[in-house]
Amino acid sequence: MEPILRKEEISDLLSAINDGRVSVDLNENDQQDTTINFTSIDLFNLPQPGSKQFRIPNLDIILDIFCRTYSSSLTNRLQRTSSVSRISLNSYEFQHFFRDKKSLGASGIIDMSPLQHGALIILDPELSFSLIEIMLGASNEFDPLQLDRKLTTIELIVLKTLFVDACNDLSNAFSQLLDMQTTLVKLENNPRLLSIVEPASEVIVTTFLVKVGELSGEMHMVIPFATLEPLRDLLKDLLSISNVNKSSWHNVIEDELLEMPAVVTAQSGIISLSISQLLNLKKGDILDLDYDPNSPLKILVENQPTFYAAPGTHNGKKAISLTGMFK
């Protein structure tokens, strides 16, 4: 620690500097290297924060839709209040993701047809064993199980319906982009049997926090980058106005509009009468219409002229035959 000058010493030093008895210029031997290290940057090609996630734009929107629907599915399946929330979205090499995992619980290989390579849904061990207890009728008050072993085949079968629900909800989440049929291929408890891509291939890993009552655990969804690559443009346009025709609410409104009834009127002529003339009308009066019997009728749809038609009969009933569009 550098010594601190007293007030008197500071005053003497300032006086010596003013009198020129102390030089403030550095000698050549005393000069220090003031060179600043720098690195040139290209202002037009700066990396974006979280650039790995920006490679698949708007994927988080699809995943959040999956969270909402899967929360409802878990609640209905387990008959307990459940929630699923996304806590991270990262990119890894496939082998590095598994290298960082000491142990895995129930793991499902899923097919995302028509997309290639498929994906993985992985539950951590503690969550896997706890969900099994719940599905077998455990009470609401039990401590999470921490068993140092792999799940058995029977235990994997018990959890199968939860993975099937996740597949259905994942298809619904992607329905805004394409008609995807997600199916469960098989359940595994051995990480060596979960190889869906090459070890060095890039995968997008989403980590979800699953809460069932007072219990909680993590679920991972591993999707190869090559699987999502064909959807990049669709995801990029997901929030654009030009993509509105792909949204489900637009299709519903369009279908309902097509079923709405409309009044169609065949108009032969128009006559204008005063109120007094209307009041004086009686049986047998003849009203002259401003209509040429040889000219086509005007067909009005909701009082808007739309077509021209020729009058006639069909199957013993009066009918009209459309002859053109109203201009």
C-alpha atoms as a PDB file:
ATOM      1  CA  MET A   1       0.000   0.000   0.000  1.00  0.00           C
ATOM      2  CA  GLU A   2       1.348   3.418  -0.993  1.00  0.00           C
ATOM      3  CA  PRO A   3       2.080   5.806   1.954  1.00  0.00           C
ATOM      4  CA  ILE A   4      -0.372   8.685   2.348  1.00  0.00           C
ATOM      5  CA  LEU A   5       1.117  12.212   2.578  1.00  0.00           C
ATOM      6  CA  ARG A   6       0.169  14.399   5.479  1.00  0.00           C
ATOM      7  CA  LYS A   7      -1.334  17.827   4.901  1.00  0.00           C
ATOM      8  CA  GLU A   8       1.979  19.565   5.675  1.00  0.00           C
ATOM      9  CA  GLU A   9       3.862  17.321   3.232  1.00  0.00           C
ATOM     10  CA  ILE A  10       1.390  18.043   0.476  1.00  0.00           C
ATOM     11  CA  SER A  11       1.771  21.782   1.079  1.00  0.00           C
ATOM     12  CA  ASP A  12       5.612  21.530   0.928  1.00  0.00           C
ATOM     13  CA  LEU A  13       5.402  19.491  -2.308  1.00  0.00           C
ATOM     14  CA  LEU A  14       3.158  22.046  -4.022  1.00  0.00           C
ATOM     15  CA  SER A  15       5.505  24.880  -2.956  1.00  0.00           C
ATOM     16  CA  ALA A  16       8.523  23.011  -4.340  1.00  0.00           C
ATOM     17  CA  ILE A  17       6.745  22.467  -7.663  1.00  0.00           C
ATOM     18  CA  ASN A  18       5.796  26.143  -7.920  1.00  0.00           C
ATOM     19  CA  ASP A  19       9.404  27.215  -7.147  1.00  0.00           C
ATOM     20  CA  GLY A  20      10.790  24.844  -9.759  1.00  0.00           C
ATOM     21  CA  ARG A  21      12.749  22.830  -7.195  1.00  0.00           C
ATOM     22  CA  VAL A  22      10.824  19.680  -8.213  1.00  0.00           C
ATOM     23  CA  SER A  23      10.487  18.847 -11.894  1.00  0.00           C
ATOM     24  CA  VAL A  24       7.246  17.403 -13.186  1.00  0.00           C
ATOM     25  CA  ASP A  25       8.834  16.180 -16.459  1.00  0.00           C
ATOM     26  CA  LEU A  26       9.646  12.496 -16.789  1.00  0.00           C
ATOM     27  CA  ASN A  27      13.138  11.428 -17.760  1.00  0.00           C
ATOM     28  CA  GLU A  28      13.509   9.146 -20.754  1.00  0.00           C
ATOM     29  CA  ASN A  29      14.407   6.302 -18.383  1.00  0.00           C
ATOM     30  CA  ASP A  30      11.337   6.944 -16.282  1.00  0.00           C
ATOM     31  CA  GLN A  31       8.868   7.019 -19.159  1.00  0.00           C
ATOM     32  CA  GLN A  32       6.569   4.067 -19.241  1.00  0.00           C
ATOM     33  CA  ASP A  33       5.185   2.298 -22.277  1.00  0.00           C
ATOM     34  CA  THR A  34       1.768   3.879 -22.837  1.00  0.00           C
ATOM     35  CA  THR A  35       0.935   1.880 -25.960  1.00  0.00           C
ATOM     36  CA  ILE A  36      -2.680   0.699 -25.876  1.00  0.00           C
ATOM     37  CA  ASN A  37      -3.482  -2.738 -27.218  1.00  0.00           C
ATOM     38  CA  PHE A  38      -6.478  -2.716 -29.538  1.00  0.00           C
ATOM     39  CA  THR A  39      -8.305  -4.959 -31.943  1.00  0.00           C
ATOM     40  CA  SER A  40      -9.962  -3.702 -35.112  1.00  0.00           C
ATOM     41  CA  ILE A  41     -13.672  -4.415 -35.535  1.00  0.00           C
ATOM     42  CA  ASP A  42     -16.098  -4.289 -38.460  1.00  0.00           C
ATOM     43  CA  LEU A  43     -19.025  -2.098 -37.417  1.00  0.00           C
ATOM     44  CA  PHE A  44     -21.151  -3.536 -40.227  1.00  0.00           C
ATOM     45  CA  ASN A  45     -20.705  -7.144 -39.135  1.00  0.00           C
ATOM     46  CA  LEU A  46     -20.942  -7.058 -35.378  1.00  0.00           C
ATOM     47  CA  PRO A  47     -22.087 -10.342 -33.845  1.00  0.00           C
ATOM     48  CA  GLN A  48     -25.559 -10.247 -32.371  1.00  0.00           C
ATOM     49  CA  PRO A  49     -26.072 -11.145 -28.729  1.00  0.00           C
ATOM     50  CA  GLY A  50     -27.073 -14.760 -28.435  1.00  0.00           C
ATOM     51  CA  SER A  51     -26.156 -15.320 -32.092  1.00  0.00           C
ATOM     52  CA  LYS A  52     -26.728 -19.067 -31.768  1.00  0.00           C
ATOM     53  CA  GLN A  53     -30.381 -18.503 -30.975  1.00  0.00           C
ATOM     54  CA  PHE A  54     -30.799 -15.920 -33.737  1.00  0.00           C
ATOM     55  CA  ARG A  55     -29.991 -18.630 -36.291  1.00  0.00           C
ATOM     56  CA  ILE A  56     -33.467 -20.085 -35.674  1.00  0.00           C
ATOM     57  CA  PRO A  57     -35.662 -16.974 -35.239  1.00  0.00           C
ATOM     58  CA  ASN A  58     -38.939 -17.135 -33.292  1.00  0.00           C
ATOM     59  CA  LEU A  59     -38.357 -20.718 -32.185  1.00  0.00           C
ATOM     60  CA  ASP A  60     -38.996 -19.545 -28.619  1.00  0.00           C
ATOM     61  CA  ILE A  61     -42.578 -18.643 -29.602  1.00  0.00           C
ATOM     62  CA  ILE A  62     -43.283 -22.199 -30.725  1.00  0.00           C
ATOM     63  CA  LEU A  63     -41.690 -23.598 -27.577  1.00  0.00           C
ATOM     64  CA  ASP A  64     -43.757 -21.309 -25.340  1.00  0.00           C
ATOM     65  CA  ILE A  65     -46.930 -22.528 -27.066  1.00  0.00           C
ATOM     66  CA  PHE A  66     -45.777 -26.073 -26.307  1.00  0.00           C
ATOM     67  CA  CYS A  67     -45.300 -25.095 -22.637  1.00  0.00           C
ATOM     68  CA  ARG A  68     -48.884 -23.878 -22.320  1.00  0.00           C
ATOM     69  CA  THR A  69     -50.465 -26.893 -23.985  1.00  0.00           C
ATOM     70  CA  TYR A  70     -48.270 -29.445 -22.224  1.00  0.00           C
ATOM     71  CA  SER A  71     -49.048 -27.836 -18.865  1.00  0.00           C
ATOM     72  CA  SER A  72     -52.734 -28.553 -19.492  1.00  0.00           C
ATOM     73  CA  SER A  73     -51.975 -32.089 -20.654  1.00  0.00           C
ATOM     74  CA  LEU A  74     -49.967 -32.859 -17.516  1.00  0.00           C
ATOM     75  CA  THR A  75     -52.659 -31.396 -15.281  1.00  0.00           C
ATOM     76  CA  ASN A  76     -55.329 -33.542 -16.923  1.00  0.00           C
ATOM     77  CA  ARG A  77     -53.181 -36.673 -16.988  1.00  0.00           C
ATOM     78  CA  LEU A  78     -51.884 -36.462 -13.416  1.00  0.00           C
ATOM     79  CA  GLN A  79     -54.968 -34.808 -11.891  1.00  0.00           C
ATOM     80  CA  ARG A  80     -52.673 -32.343 -10.152  1.00  0.00           C
ATOM     81  CA  THR A  81     -51.864 -28.727 -10.877  1.00  0.00           C
ATOM     82  CA  SER A  82     -48.894 -28.776 -13.236  1.00  0.00           C
ATOM     83  CA  SER A  83     -46.889 -26.171 -15.108  1.00  0.00           C
ATOM     84  CA  VAL A  84     -44.144 -26.231 -17.712  1.00  0.00           C
ATOM     85  CA  SER A  85     -41.930 -23.196 -18.326  1.00  0.00           C
ATOM     86  CA  ARG A  86     -38.928 -22.654 -20.565  1.00  0.00           C
ATOM     87  CA  ILE A  87     -35.772 -21.710 -18.656  1.00  0.00           C
ATOM     88  CA  SER A  88     -33.037 -21.916 -21.329  1.00  0.00           C
ATOM     89  CA  LEU A  89     -32.472 -22.282 -25.051  1.00  0.00           C
ATOM     90  CA  ASN A  90     -28.904 -23.102 -26.081  1.00  0.00           C
ATOM     91  CA  SER A  91     -26.855 -24.654 -28.833  1.00  0.00           C
ATOM     92  CA  TYR A  92     -24.409 -27.517 -28.257  1.00  0.00           C
ATOM     93  CA  GLU A  93     -22.502 -30.164 -30.074  1.00  0.00           C
ATOM     94  CA  PHE A  94     -24.482 -33.371 -29.626  1.00  0.00           C
ATOM     95  CA  GLN A  95     -21.664 -35.174 -27.831  1.00  0.00           C
ATOM     96  CA  HIS A  96     -20.927 -32.215 -25.540  1.00  0.00           C
ATOM     97  CA  PHE A  97     -24.500 -32.088 -24.290  1.00  0.00           C
ATOM     98  CA  PHE A  98     -24.385 -35.703 -23.126  1.00  0.00           C
ATOM     99  CA  ARG A  99     -20.870 -35.323 -21.770  1.00  0.00           C
ATOM    100  CA  ASP A 100     -22.114 -32.681 -19.318  1.00  0.00           C
ATOM    101  CA  LYS A 101     -24.948 -34.942 -18.112  1.00  0.00           C
ATOM    102  CA  LYS A 102     -23.938 -37.291 -15.328  1.00  0.00           C
ATOM    103  CA  SER A 103     -27.150 -39.304 -15.497  1.00  0.00           C
ATOM    104  CA  LEU A 104     -30.396 -39.331 -17.465  1.00  0.00           C
ATOM    105  CA  GLY A 105     -33.890 -40.410 -16.568  1.00  0.00           C
ATOM    106  CA  ALA A 106     -36.555 -41.476 -19.030  1.00  0.00           C
ATOM    107  CA  SER A 107     -35.562 -40.508 -22.573  1.00  0.00           C
ATOM    108  CA  GLY A 108     -37.841 -40.635 -25.596  1.00  0.00           C
ATOM    109  CA  ILE A 109     -36.795 -40.682 -29.243  1.00  0.00           C
ATOM    110  CA  ILE A 110     -39.468 -38.922 -31.288  1.00  0.00           C
ATOM    111  CA  ASP A 111     -40.097 -38.674 -35.010  1.00  0.00           C
ATOM    112  CA  MET A 112     -41.131 -35.252 -36.366  1.00  0.00           C
ATOM    113  CA  SER A 113     -42.361 -36.299 -39.792  1.00  0.00           C
ATOM    114  CA  PRO A 114     -42.010 -34.811 -42.410  1.00  0.00           C
ATOM    115  CA  LEU A 115     -38.872 -33.288 -40.828  1.00  0.00           C
ATOM    116  CA  GLN A 116     -35.743 -35.408 -40.741  1.00  0.00           C
ATOM    117  CA  HIS A 117     -33.512 -36.660 -37.900  1.00  0.00           C
ATOM    118  CA  GLY A 118     -36.199 -36.535 -35.201  1.00  0.00           C
ATOM    119  CA  ALA A 119     -35.553 -35.256 -31.676  1.00  0.00           C
ATOM    120  CA  LEU A 120     -35.213 -36.287 -28.028  1.00  0.00           C
ATOM    121  CA  ILE A 121     -37.277 -35.560 -24.920  1.00  0.00           C
ATOM    122  CA  ILE A 122     -35.358 -36.285 -21.725  1.00  0.00           C
ATOM    123  CA  LEU A 123     -36.551 -36.192 -18.102  1.00  0.00           C
ATOM    124  CA  ASP A 124     -34.026 -35.908 -15.297  1.00  0.00           C
ATOM    125  CA  PRO A 125     -33.858 -38.961 -12.970  1.00  0.00           C
ATOM    126  CA  GLU A 126     -35.485 -37.323  -9.938  1.00  0.00           C
ATOM    127  CA  LEU A 127     -38.436 -36.070 -11.997  1.00  0.00           C
ATOM    128  CA  SER A 128     -38.813 -39.444 -13.712  1.00  0.00           C
ATOM    129  CA  PHE A 129     -39.100 -41.412 -10.475  1.00  0.00           C
ATOM    130  CA  SER A 130     -41.403 -38.819  -8.902  1.00  0.00           C
ATOM    131  CA  LEU A 131     -43.776 -38.883 -11.901  1.00  0.00           C
ATOM    132  CA  ILE A 132     -43.911 -42.669 -11.708  1.00  0.00           C
ATOM    133  CA  GLU A 133     -44.933 -42.473  -8.045  1.00  0.00           C
ATOM    134  CA  ILE A 134     -47.655 -39.944  -8.891  1.00  0.00           C
ATOM    135  CA  MET A 135     -49.017 -42.053 -11.744  1.00  0.00           C
ATOM    136  CA  LEU A 136     -49.123 -45.081  -9.450  1.00  0.00           C
ATOM    137  CA  GLY A 137     -51.274 -43.193  -6.931  1.00  0.00           C
ATOM    138  CA  ALA A 138     -48.801 -41.676  -4.460  1.00  0.00           C
ATOM    139  CA  SER A 139     -50.148 -39.082  -2.024  1.00  0.00           C
ATOM    140  CA  ASN A 140     -49.517 -35.398  -2.439  1.00  0.00           C
ATOM    141  CA  GLU A 141     -47.061 -35.369   0.432  1.00  0.00           C
ATOM    142  CA  PHE A 142     -43.986 -37.387  -0.473  1.00  0.00           C
ATOM    143  CA  ASP A 143     -40.356 -36.399  -0.870  1.00  0.00           C
ATOM    144  CA  PRO A 144     -38.780 -36.543  -4.333  1.00  0.00           C
ATOM    145  CA  LEU A 145     -37.139 -39.893  -4.962  1.00  0.00           C
ATOM    146  CA  GLN A 146     -33.387 -39.954  -5.522  1.00  0.00           C
ATOM    147  CA  LEU A 147     -32.554 -43.499  -6.628  1.00  0.00           C
ATOM    148  CA  ASP A 148     -29.085 -44.347  -7.875  1.00  0.00           C
ATOM    149  CA  ARG A 149     -30.165 -46.684 -10.675  1.00  0.00           C
ATOM    150  CA  LYS A 150     -31.615 -46.701 -14.165  1.00  0.00           C
ATOM    151  CA  LEU A 151     -35.320 -46.954 -14.792  1.00  0.00           C
ATOM    152  CA  THR A 152     -36.666 -50.394 -15.531  1.00  0.00           C
ATOM    153  CA  THR A 153     -38.638 -51.327 -18.645  1.00  0.00           C
ATOM    154  CA  ILE A 154     -41.888 -51.379 -16.659  1.00  0.00           C
ATOM    155  CA  GLU A 155     -41.195 -47.903 -15.248  1.00  0.00           C
ATOM    156  CA  LEU A 156     -40.579 -46.596 -18.770  1.00  0.00           C
ATOM    157  CA  ILE A 157     -43.921 -48.046 -19.888  1.00  0.00           C
ATOM    158  CA  VAL A 158     -45.659 -46.224 -17.021  1.00  0.00           C
ATOM    159  CA  LEU A 159     -44.224 -42.908 -18.296  1.00  0.00           C
ATOM    160  CA  LYS A 160     -45.065 -43.600 -21.941  1.00  0.00           C
ATOM    161  CA  THR A 161     -48.376 -41.705 -21.935  1.00  0.00           C
ATOM    162  CA  LEU A 162     -46.611 -38.521 -20.775  1.00  0.00           C
ATOM    163  CA  PHE A 163     -44.278 -38.703 -23.776  1.00  0.00           C
ATOM    164  CA  VAL A 164     -47.197 -39.367 -26.139  1.00  0.00           C
ATOM    165  CA  ASP A 165     -48.942 -36.261 -24.782  1.00  0.00           C
ATOM    166  CA  ALA A 166     -45.750 -34.251 -25.322  1.00  0.00           C
ATOM    167  CA  CYS A 167     -45.607 -35.433 -28.959  1.00  0.00           C
ATOM    168  CA  ASN A 168     -49.211 -34.361 -29.607  1.00  0.00           C
ATOM    169  CA  ASP A 169     -48.657 -30.953 -28.014  1.00  0.00           C
ATOM    170  CA  LEU A 170     -45.453 -30.451 -29.999  1.00  0.00           C
ATOM    171  CA  SER A 171     -47.367 -31.127 -33.239  1.00  0.00           C
ATOM    172  CA  ASN A 172     -50.001 -28.584 -32.191  1.00  0.00           C
ATOM    173  CA  ALA A 173     -47.315 -25.988 -31.435  1.00  0.00           C
ATOM    174  CA  PHE A 174     -45.804 -26.387 -34.914  1.00  0.00           C
ATOM    175  CA  SER A 175     -49.211 -26.463 -36.642  1.00  0.00           C
ATOM    176  CA  GLN A 176     -48.870 -22.765 -37.536  1.00  0.00           C
ATOM    177  CA  LEU A 177     -45.924 -23.682 -39.754  1.00  0.00           C
ATOM    178  CA  LEU A 178     -46.673 -27.135 -41.170  1.00  0.00           C
ATOM    179  CA  ASP A 179     -48.744 -30.255 -40.702  1.00  0.00           C
ATOM    180  CA  MET A 180     -46.315 -32.213 -38.518  1.00  0.00           C
ATOM    181  CA  GLN A 181     -47.062 -35.676 -37.151  1.00  0.00           C
ATOM    182  CA  THR A 182     -44.897 -36.175 -34.059  1.00  0.00           C
ATOM    183  CA  THR A 183     -44.782 -39.743 -32.775  1.00  0.00           C
ATOM    184  CA  LEU A 184     -42.879 -41.557 -30.045  1.00  0.00           C
ATOM    185  CA  VAL A 185     -40.455 -44.053 -31.575  1.00  0.00           C
ATOM    186  CA  LYS A 186     -39.166 -45.646 -28.365  1.00  0.00           C
ATOM    187  CA  LEU A 187     -38.203 -44.984 -24.747  1.00  0.00           C
ATOM    188  CA  GLU A 188     -34.651 -45.552 -23.535  1.00  0.00           C
ATOM    189  CA  ASN A 189     -32.674 -45.318 -20.294  1.00  0.00           C
ATOM    190  CA  ASN A 190     -29.236 -45.769 -21.891  1.00  0.00           C
ATOM    191  CA  PRO A 191     -27.630 -42.581 -23.315  1.00  0.00           C
ATOM    192  CA  ARG A 192     -25.571 -44.644 -25.766  1.00  0.00           C
ATOM    193  CA  LEU A 193     -28.779 -45.650 -27.554  1.00  0.00           C
ATOM    194  CA  LEU A 194     -29.968 -42.053 -28.085  1.00  0.00           C
ATOM    195  CA  SER A 195     -27.753 -41.245 -31.049  1.00  0.00           C
ATOM    196  CA  ILE A 196     -29.968 -39.429 -33.564  1.00  0.00           C
ATOM    197  CA  VAL A 197     -27.187 -37.427 -35.310  1.00  0.00           C
ATOM    198  CA  GLU A 198     -23.413 -37.460 -35.618  1.00  0.00           C
ATOM    199  CA  PRO A 199     -21.523 -36.635 -32.360  1.00  0.00           C
ATOM    200  CA  ALA A 200     -20.180 -33.326 -33.741  1.00  0.00           C
ATOM    201  CA  SER A 201     -23.549 -32.178 -35.124  1.00  0.00           C
ATOM    202  CA  GLU A 202     -25.158 -29.062 -33.692  1.00  0.00           C
ATOM    203  CA  VAL A 203     -28.318 -29.481 -31.628  1.00  0.00           C
ATOM    204  CA  ILE A 204     -30.721 -26.942 -30.125  1.00  0.00           C
ATOM    205  CA  VAL A 205     -31.373 -27.837 -26.485  1.00  0.00           C
ATOM    206  CA  THR A 206     -34.369 -26.374 -24.664  1.00  0.00           C
ATOM    207  CA  THR A 207     -34.572 -26.880 -20.911  1.00  0.00           C
ATOM    208  CA  PHE A 208     -38.004 -26.750 -19.267  1.00  0.00           C
ATOM    209  CA  LEU A 209     -38.892 -26.545 -15.596  1.00  0.00           C
ATOM    210  CA  VAL A 210     -41.708 -28.988 -14.849  1.00  0.00           C
ATOM    211  CA  LYS A 211     -43.712 -28.445 -11.655  1.00  0.00           C
ATOM    212  CA  VAL A 212     -46.284 -30.924 -10.398  1.00  0.00           C
ATOM    213  CA  GLY A 213     -47.737 -29.705  -7.128  1.00  0.00           C
ATOM    214  CA  GLU A 214     -44.769 -29.136  -4.823  1.00  0.00           C
ATOM    215  CA  LEU A 215     -42.431 -31.278  -6.943  1.00  0.00           C
ATOM    216  CA  SER A 216     -40.238 -29.898  -9.697  1.00  0.00           C
ATOM    217  CA  GLY A 217     -37.597 -31.103 -12.123  1.00  0.00           C
ATOM    218  CA  GLU A 218     -36.083 -30.450 -15.508  1.00  0.00           C
ATOM    219  CA  MET A 219     -37.048 -31.733 -18.926  1.00  0.00           C
ATOM    220  CA  HIS A 220     -34.817 -31.303 -21.984  1.00  0.00           C
ATOM    221  CA  MET A 221     -35.855 -31.215 -25.620  1.00  0.00           C
ATOM    222  CA  VAL A 222     -32.958 -31.893 -27.999  1.00  0.00           C
ATOM    223  CA  ILE A 223     -33.632 -31.016 -31.661  1.00  0.00           C
ATOM    224  CA  PRO A 224     -30.867 -31.229 -34.288  1.00  0.00           C
ATOM    225  CA  PHE A 225     -30.172 -27.966 -36.069  1.00  0.00           C
ATOM    226  CA  ALA A 226     -30.557 -29.826 -39.377  1.00  0.00           C
ATOM    227  CA  THR A 227     -34.136 -30.714 -38.378  1.00  0.00           C
ATOM    228  CA  LEU A 228     -35.115 -27.071 -37.871  1.00  0.00           C
ATOM    229  CA  GLU A 229     -33.133 -25.671 -40.800  1.00  0.00           C
ATOM    230  CA  PRO A 230     -35.996 -26.169 -43.362  1.00  0.00           C
ATOM    231  CA  LEU A 231     -38.300 -24.135 -41.075  1.00  0.00           C
ATOM    232  CA  ARG A 232     -36.016 -21.110 -40.805  1.00  0.00           C
ATOM    233  CA  ASP A 233     -37.930 -18.973 -43.344  1.00  0.00           C
ATOM    234  CA  LEU A 234     -41.319 -20.026 -41.975  1.00  0.00           C
ATOM    235  CA  LEU A 235     -40.229 -19.148 -38.437  1.00  0.00           C
ATOM    236  CA  LYS A 236     -38.782 -15.835 -39.622  1.00  0.00           C
ATOM    237  CA  ASP A 237     -42.142 -14.869 -41.154  1.00  0.00           C
ATOM    238  CA  LEU A 238     -44.157 -16.203 -38.225  1.00  0.00           C
ATOM    239  CA  LEU A 239     -45.029 -12.734 -36.881  1.00  0.00           C
ATOM    240  CA  SER A 240     -45.271 -10.913 -40.203  1.00  0.00           C
ATOM    241  CA  ILE A 241     -48.591  -9.683 -41.561  1.00  0.00           C
ATOM    242  CA  SER A 242     -48.022 -11.578 -44.808  1.00  0.00           C
ATOM    243  CA  ASN A 243     -48.182 -14.804 -42.831  1.00  0.00           C
ATOM    244  CA  VAL A 244     -51.647 -14.161 -41.440  1.00  0.00           C
ATOM    245  CA  ASN A 245     -53.213 -16.626 -43.876  1.00  0.00           C
ATOM    246  CA  LYS A 246     -51.387 -19.422 -42.057  1.00  0.00           C
ATOM    247  CA  SER A 247     -52.798 -18.680 -38.645  1.00  0.00           C
ATOM    248  CA  SER A 248     -55.555 -20.862 -37.291  1.00  0.00           C
ATOM    249  CA  TRP A 249     -57.860 -17.983 -36.253  1.00  0.00           C
ATOM    250  CA  HIS A 250     -57.845 -16.638 -39.815  1.00  0.00           C
ATOM    251  CA  ASN A 251     -58.872 -20.037 -41.173  1.00  0.00           C
ATOM    252  CA  VAL A 252     -61.680 -20.305 -38.625  1.00  0.00           C
ATOM    253  CA  ILE A 253     -63.078 -16.877 -39.535  1.00  0.00           C
ATOM    254  CA  GLU A 254     -62.780 -17.655 -43.232  1.00  0.00           C
ATOM    255  CA  ASP A 255     -64.662 -20.943 -42.832  1.00  0.00           C
ATOM    256  CA  GLU A 256     -67.409 -19.279 -40.776  1.00  0.00           C
ATOM    257  CA  LEU A 257     -67.836 -16.483 -43.340  1.00  0.00           C
ATOM    258  CA  LEU A 258     -68.371 -19.049 -46.084  1.00  0.00           C
ATOM    259  CA  GLU A 259     -71.268 -20.528 -44.090  1.00  0.00           C
ATOM    260  CA  MET A 260     -73.058 -17.199 -43.467  1.00  0.00           C
ATOM    261  CA  PRO A 261     -76.484 -16.869 -45.202  1.00  0.00           C
ATOM    262  CA  ALA A 262     -76.976 -14.115 -47.786  1.00  0.00           C
ATOM    263  CA  VAL A 263     -80.230 -12.725 -49.288  1.00  0.00           C
ATOM    264  CA  VAL A 264     -80.387 -12.967 -53.091  1.00  0.00           C
ATOM    265  CA  THR A 265     -83.086 -10.913 -54.891  1.00  0.00           C
ATOM    266  CA  ALA A 266     -84.139 -11.119 -58.550  1.00  0.00           C
ATOM    267  CA  GLN A 267     -85.206  -7.562 -59.386  1.00  0.00           C
ATOM    268  CA  SER A 268     -87.387  -6.968 -62.436  1.00  0.00           C
ATOM    269  CA  GLY A 269     -87.968  -3.248 -61.907  1.00  0.00           C
ATOM    270  CA  ILE A 270     -88.315  -0.327 -59.501  1.00  0.00           C
ATOM    271  CA  ILE A 271     -91.320   1.920 -58.940  1.00  0.00           C
ATOM    272  CA  SER A 272     -91.455   5.083 -56.835  1.00  0.00           C
ATOM    273  CA  LEU A 273     -94.713   6.032 -55.080  1.00  0.00           C
ATOM    274  CA  SER A 274     -95.604   8.769 -52.661  1.00  0.00           C
ATOM    275  CA  ILE A 275     -97.043   8.004 -49.260  1.00  0.00           C
ATOM    276  CA  SER A 276    -100.486   9.244 -50.338  1.00  0.00           C
ATOM    277  CA  GLN A 277    -100.431   6.944 -53.385  1.00  0.00           C
ATOM    278  CA  LEU A 278     -99.502   3.978 -51.194  1.00  0.00           C
ATOM    279  CA  LEU A 279    -102.363   4.774 -48.834  1.00  0.00           C
ATOM    280  CA  ASN A 280    -104.831   4.914 -51.743  1.00  0.00           C
ATOM    281  CA  LEU A 281    -103.886   1.544 -53.204  1.00  0.00           C
ATOM    282  CA  LYS A 282    -106.682  -1.025 -53.401  1.00  0.00           C
ATOM    283  CA  LYS A 283    -107.321  -4.451 -54.819  1.00  0.00           C
ATOM    284  CA  GLY A 284    -107.222  -4.524 -58.619  1.00  0.00           C
ATOM    285  CA  ASP A 285    -104.924  -1.506 -59.070  1.00  0.00           C
ATOM    286  CA  ILE A 286    -102.283  -1.909 -61.764  1.00  0.00           C
ATOM    287  CA  LEU A 287     -98.761  -0.577 -61.159  1.00  0.00           C
ATOM    288  CA  ASP A 288     -96.557   0.068 -64.184  1.00  0.00           C
ATOM    289  CA  LEU A 289     -92.926  -1.013 -63.632  1.00  0.00           C
ATOM    290  CA  ASP A 290     -90.013   0.637 -65.354  1.00  0.00           C
ATOM    291  CA  TYR A 291     -88.943  -2.715 -66.804  1.00  0.00           C
ATOM    292  CA  ASP A 292     -88.420  -4.079 -70.314  1.00  0.00           C
ATOM    293  CA  PRO A 293     -89.644  -7.723 -70.374  1.00  0.00           C
ATOM    294  CA  ASN A 294     -86.955  -8.535 -72.961  1.00  0.00           C
ATOM    295  CA  SER A 295     -84.073  -7.252 -70.818  1.00  0.00           C
ATOM    296  CA  PRO A 296     -82.280  -9.417 -68.202  1.00  0.00           C
ATOM    297  CA  LEU A 297     -83.147  -9.230 -64.531  1.00  0.00           C
ATOM    298  CA  LYS A 298     -80.797  -7.666 -61.995  1.00  0.00           C
ATOM    299  CA  ILE A 299     -79.693 -10.090 -59.274  1.00  0.00           C
ATOM    300  CA  LEU A 300     -78.954  -8.377 -55.957  1.00  0.00           C
ATOM    301  CA  VAL A 301     -76.861 -10.013 -53.213  1.00  0.00           C
ATOM    302  CA  GLU A 302     -77.559  -8.264 -49.898  1.00  0.00           C
ATOM    303  CA  ASN A 303     -79.043  -5.335 -51.909  1.00  0.00           C
ATOM    304  CA  GLN A 304     -75.868  -5.015 -54.011  1.00  0.00           C
ATOM    305  CA  PRO A 305     -76.273  -5.582 -57.825  1.00  0.00           C
ATOM    306  CA  THR A 306     -74.050  -8.566 -58.631  1.00  0.00           C
ATOM    307  CA  PHE A 307     -75.365 -10.599 -61.609  1.00  0.00           C
ATOM    308  CA  TYR A 308     -77.669 -10.459 -64.633  1.00  0.00           C
ATOM    309  CA  ALA A 309     -80.163 -13.286 -65.226  1.00  0.00           C
ATOM    310  CA  ALA A 310     -82.914 -14.427 -67.583  1.00  0.00           C
ATOM    311  CA  PRO A 311     -86.275 -15.470 -66.048  1.00  0.00           C
ATOM    312  CA  GLY A 312     -87.829 -18.839 -66.788  1.00  0.00           C
ATOM    313  CA  THR A 313     -89.092 -22.096 -65.256  1.00  0.00           C
ATOM    314  CA  HIS A 314     -87.368 -25.260 -64.055  1.00  0.00           C
ATOM    315  CA  ASN A 315     -89.080 -28.459 -62.856  1.00  0.00           C
ATOM    316  CA  GLY A 316     -92.394 -26.630 -62.786  1.00  0.00           C
ATOM    317  CA  LYS A 317     -91.068 -23.738 -60.690  1.00  0.00           C
ATOM    318  CA  LYS A 318     -90.044 -20.191 -61.551  1.00  0.00           C
ATOM    319  CA  ALA A 319     -86.259 -19.913 -61.901  1.00  0.00           C
ATOM    320  CA  ILE A 320     -83.538 -17.635 -63.201  1.00  0.00           C
ATOM    321  CA  SER A 321     -80.488 -18.402 -65.317  1.00  0.00           C
ATOM    322  CA  LEU A 322     -77.425 -16.266 -64.659  1.00  0.00           C
ATOM    323  CA  THR A 323     -76.188 -14.609 -67.850  1.00  0.00           C
ATOM    324  CA  GLY A 324     -73.348 -12.370 -66.615  1.00  0.00           C
ATOM    325  CA  MET A 325     -71.754 -10.201 -63.964  1.00  0.00           C
ATOM    326  CA  PHE A 326     -73.108  -6.736 -63.093  1.00  0.00           C
ATOM    327  CA  LYS A 327     -70.712  -3.974 -64.099  1.00  0.00           C
END
